[in-house]
Amino acid sequence: MVAIAGAATKSSHAVNAVTALNEGFQQAFFWSGIVAFIGSVLALLFVRTRK
């Protein structure tokens, strides 16, 4: 998350530093949510219960 937030903050074209930092954290949380969603789908597909 830190790498995504740092890269997005650095590449932001916002005039205000706070706005750029906010955009970076927004990107980091968005992609973390995507990874968590994919992980939950994979867990539902591949985890088997005992009979």
N, C-alpha and C. Protein backbone atom coordinates (compact mmCIF):
# COMPACT_ATOMS: atom_id res chain seq x y z
N MET A 1 0.82 -1.18 0.00
CA MET A 1 0.00 0.00 0.00
C MET A 1 0.87 1.25 0.00
N VAL A 2 1.97 1.19 0.70
CA VAL A 2 2.83 2.37 0.78
C VAL A 2 3.44 2.68 -0.58
N ALA A 3 3.83 1.65 -1.30
CA ALA A 3 4.42 1.87 -2.63
C ALA A 3 3.40 2.47 -3.59
N ILE A 4 2.18 1.97 -3.56
CA ILE A 4 1.14 2.51 -4.43
C ILE A 4 0.82 3.95 -4.05
N ALA A 5 0.68 4.21 -2.75
CA ALA A 5 0.36 5.56 -2.30
C ALA A 5 1.48 6.53 -2.65
N GLY A 6 2.72 6.11 -2.48
CA GLY A 6 3.85 6.98 -2.81
C GLY A 6 3.95 7.27 -4.30
N ALA A 7 3.76 6.25 -5.11
CA ALA A 7 3.83 6.45 -6.56
C ALA A 7 2.69 7.32 -7.07
N ALA A 8 1.50 7.10 -6.54
CA ALA A 8 0.36 7.91 -6.98
C ALA A 8 0.49 9.34 -6.50
N THR A 9 1.01 9.53 -5.31
CA THR A 9 1.21 10.88 -4.80
C THR A 9 2.26 11.62 -5.61
N LYS A 10 3.34 10.92 -5.93
CA LYS A 10 4.42 11.56 -6.69
C LYS A 10 3.99 11.91 -8.11
N SER A 11 3.17 11.09 -8.72
CA SER A 11 2.76 11.33 -10.10
C SER A 11 1.52 12.22 -10.21
N SER A 12 0.99 12.66 -9.07
CA SER A 12 -0.20 13.50 -9.08
C SER A 12 0.13 14.89 -9.61
N HIS A 13 -0.83 15.46 -10.33
CA HIS A 13 -0.66 16.81 -10.88
C HIS A 13 -1.43 17.84 -10.07
N ALA A 14 -1.78 17.50 -8.84
CA ALA A 14 -2.54 18.41 -7.99
C ALA A 14 -1.65 19.57 -7.54
N VAL A 15 -2.25 20.72 -7.41
CA VAL A 15 -1.51 21.92 -6.98
C VAL A 15 -1.22 21.85 -5.48
N ASN A 16 -2.18 21.40 -4.72
CA ASN A 16 -2.05 21.33 -3.27
C ASN A 16 -1.42 20.00 -2.86
N ALA A 17 -0.48 20.03 -1.92
CA ALA A 17 0.19 18.80 -1.47
C ALA A 17 -0.78 17.87 -0.74
N VAL A 18 -1.72 18.44 -0.02
CA VAL A 18 -2.70 17.62 0.70
C VAL A 18 -3.60 16.88 -0.28
N THR A 19 -3.98 17.53 -1.34
CA THR A 19 -4.81 16.89 -2.37
C THR A 19 -4.05 15.76 -3.05
N ALA A 20 -2.78 15.97 -3.32
CA ALA A 20 -1.97 14.93 -3.94
C ALA A 20 -1.82 13.73 -3.01
N LEU A 21 -1.62 13.99 -1.73
CA LEU A 21 -1.51 12.91 -0.76
C LEU A 21 -2.82 12.15 -0.65
N ASN A 22 -3.93 12.86 -0.67
CA ASN A 22 -5.25 12.24 -0.62
C ASN A 22 -5.47 11.33 -1.83
N GLU A 23 -5.08 11.80 -3.01
CA GLU A 23 -5.22 10.98 -4.21
C GLU A 23 -4.36 9.72 -4.12
N GLY A 24 -3.18 9.84 -3.56
CA GLY A 24 -2.31 8.67 -3.40
C GLY A 24 -2.91 7.63 -2.48
N PHE A 25 -3.42 8.07 -1.34
CA PHE A 25 -4.04 7.12 -0.42
C PHE A 25 -5.33 6.54 -0.99
N GLN A 26 -6.06 7.32 -1.77
CA GLN A 26 -7.27 6.81 -2.39
C GLN A 26 -6.93 5.67 -3.36
N GLN A 27 -5.89 5.84 -4.14
CA GLN A 27 -5.45 4.79 -5.06
C GLN A 27 -4.99 3.54 -4.29
N ALA A 28 -4.25 3.75 -3.21
CA ALA A 28 -3.75 2.61 -2.42
C ALA A 28 -4.90 1.80 -1.83
N PHE A 29 -5.88 2.47 -1.25
CA PHE A 29 -7.01 1.74 -0.68
C PHE A 29 -7.88 1.09 -1.75
N PHE A 30 -8.00 1.72 -2.91
CA PHE A 30 -8.76 1.12 -4.00
C PHE A 30 -8.12 -0.20 -4.44
N TRP A 31 -6.81 -0.18 -4.69
CA TRP A 31 -6.15 -1.39 -5.16
C TRP A 31 -6.06 -2.46 -4.08
N SER A 32 -5.97 -2.06 -2.83
CA SER A 32 -5.99 -3.04 -1.74
C SER A 32 -7.36 -3.72 -1.67
N GLY A 33 -8.40 -2.97 -1.91
CA GLY A 33 -9.74 -3.56 -1.94
C GLY A 33 -9.91 -4.54 -3.09
N ILE A 34 -9.35 -4.20 -4.24
CA ILE A 34 -9.41 -5.11 -5.38
C ILE A 34 -8.68 -6.41 -5.08
N VAL A 35 -7.50 -6.31 -4.48
CA VAL A 35 -6.72 -7.51 -4.13
C VAL A 35 -7.48 -8.35 -3.09
N ALA A 36 -8.10 -7.70 -2.11
CA ALA A 36 -8.87 -8.44 -1.11
C ALA A 36 -10.07 -9.13 -1.74
N PHE A 37 -10.73 -8.47 -2.66
CA PHE A 37 -11.88 -9.08 -3.33
C PHE A 37 -11.45 -10.30 -4.15
N ILE A 38 -10.37 -10.18 -4.89
CA ILE A 38 -9.87 -11.32 -5.68
C ILE A 38 -9.46 -12.46 -4.76
N GLY A 39 -8.84 -12.13 -3.63
CA GLY A 39 -8.47 -13.17 -2.67
C GLY A 39 -9.67 -13.89 -2.10
N SER A 40 -10.74 -13.16 -1.82
CA SER A 40 -11.93 -13.81 -1.28
C SER A 40 -12.61 -14.69 -2.32
N VAL A 41 -12.60 -14.27 -3.57
CA VAL A 41 -13.17 -15.10 -4.64
C VAL A 41 -12.35 -16.37 -4.80
N LEU A 42 -11.04 -16.24 -4.79
CA LEU A 42 -10.19 -17.43 -4.91
C LEU A 42 -10.36 -18.36 -3.71
N ALA A 43 -10.53 -17.82 -2.52
CA ALA A 43 -10.75 -18.65 -1.33
C ALA A 43 -12.07 -19.40 -1.46
N LEU A 44 -13.11 -18.75 -1.95
CA LEU A 44 -14.38 -19.43 -2.12
C LEU A 44 -14.30 -20.54 -3.17
N LEU A 45 -13.47 -20.35 -4.17
CA LEU A 45 -13.36 -21.35 -5.23
C LEU A 45 -12.50 -22.55 -4.84
N PHE A 46 -11.45 -22.33 -4.05
CA PHE A 46 -10.46 -23.39 -3.84
C PHE A 46 -10.45 -24.00 -2.46
N VAL A 47 -11.10 -23.42 -1.47
CA VAL A 47 -11.13 -23.99 -0.14
C VAL A 47 -12.27 -25.00 -0.07
N ARG A 48 -11.94 -26.20 0.34
CA ARG A 48 -12.94 -27.26 0.40
C ARG A 48 -13.26 -27.57 1.86
N THR A 49 -14.49 -27.93 2.11
CA THR A 49 -14.90 -28.31 3.45
C THR A 49 -14.76 -29.82 3.61
N ARG A 50 -14.61 -30.25 4.86
CA ARG A 50 -14.52 -31.69 5.14
C ARG A 50 -15.90 -32.30 5.13
N LYS A 51 -15.99 -33.54 4.69
CA LYS A 51 -17.29 -34.23 4.65
C LYS A 51 -17.55 -34.98 5.92
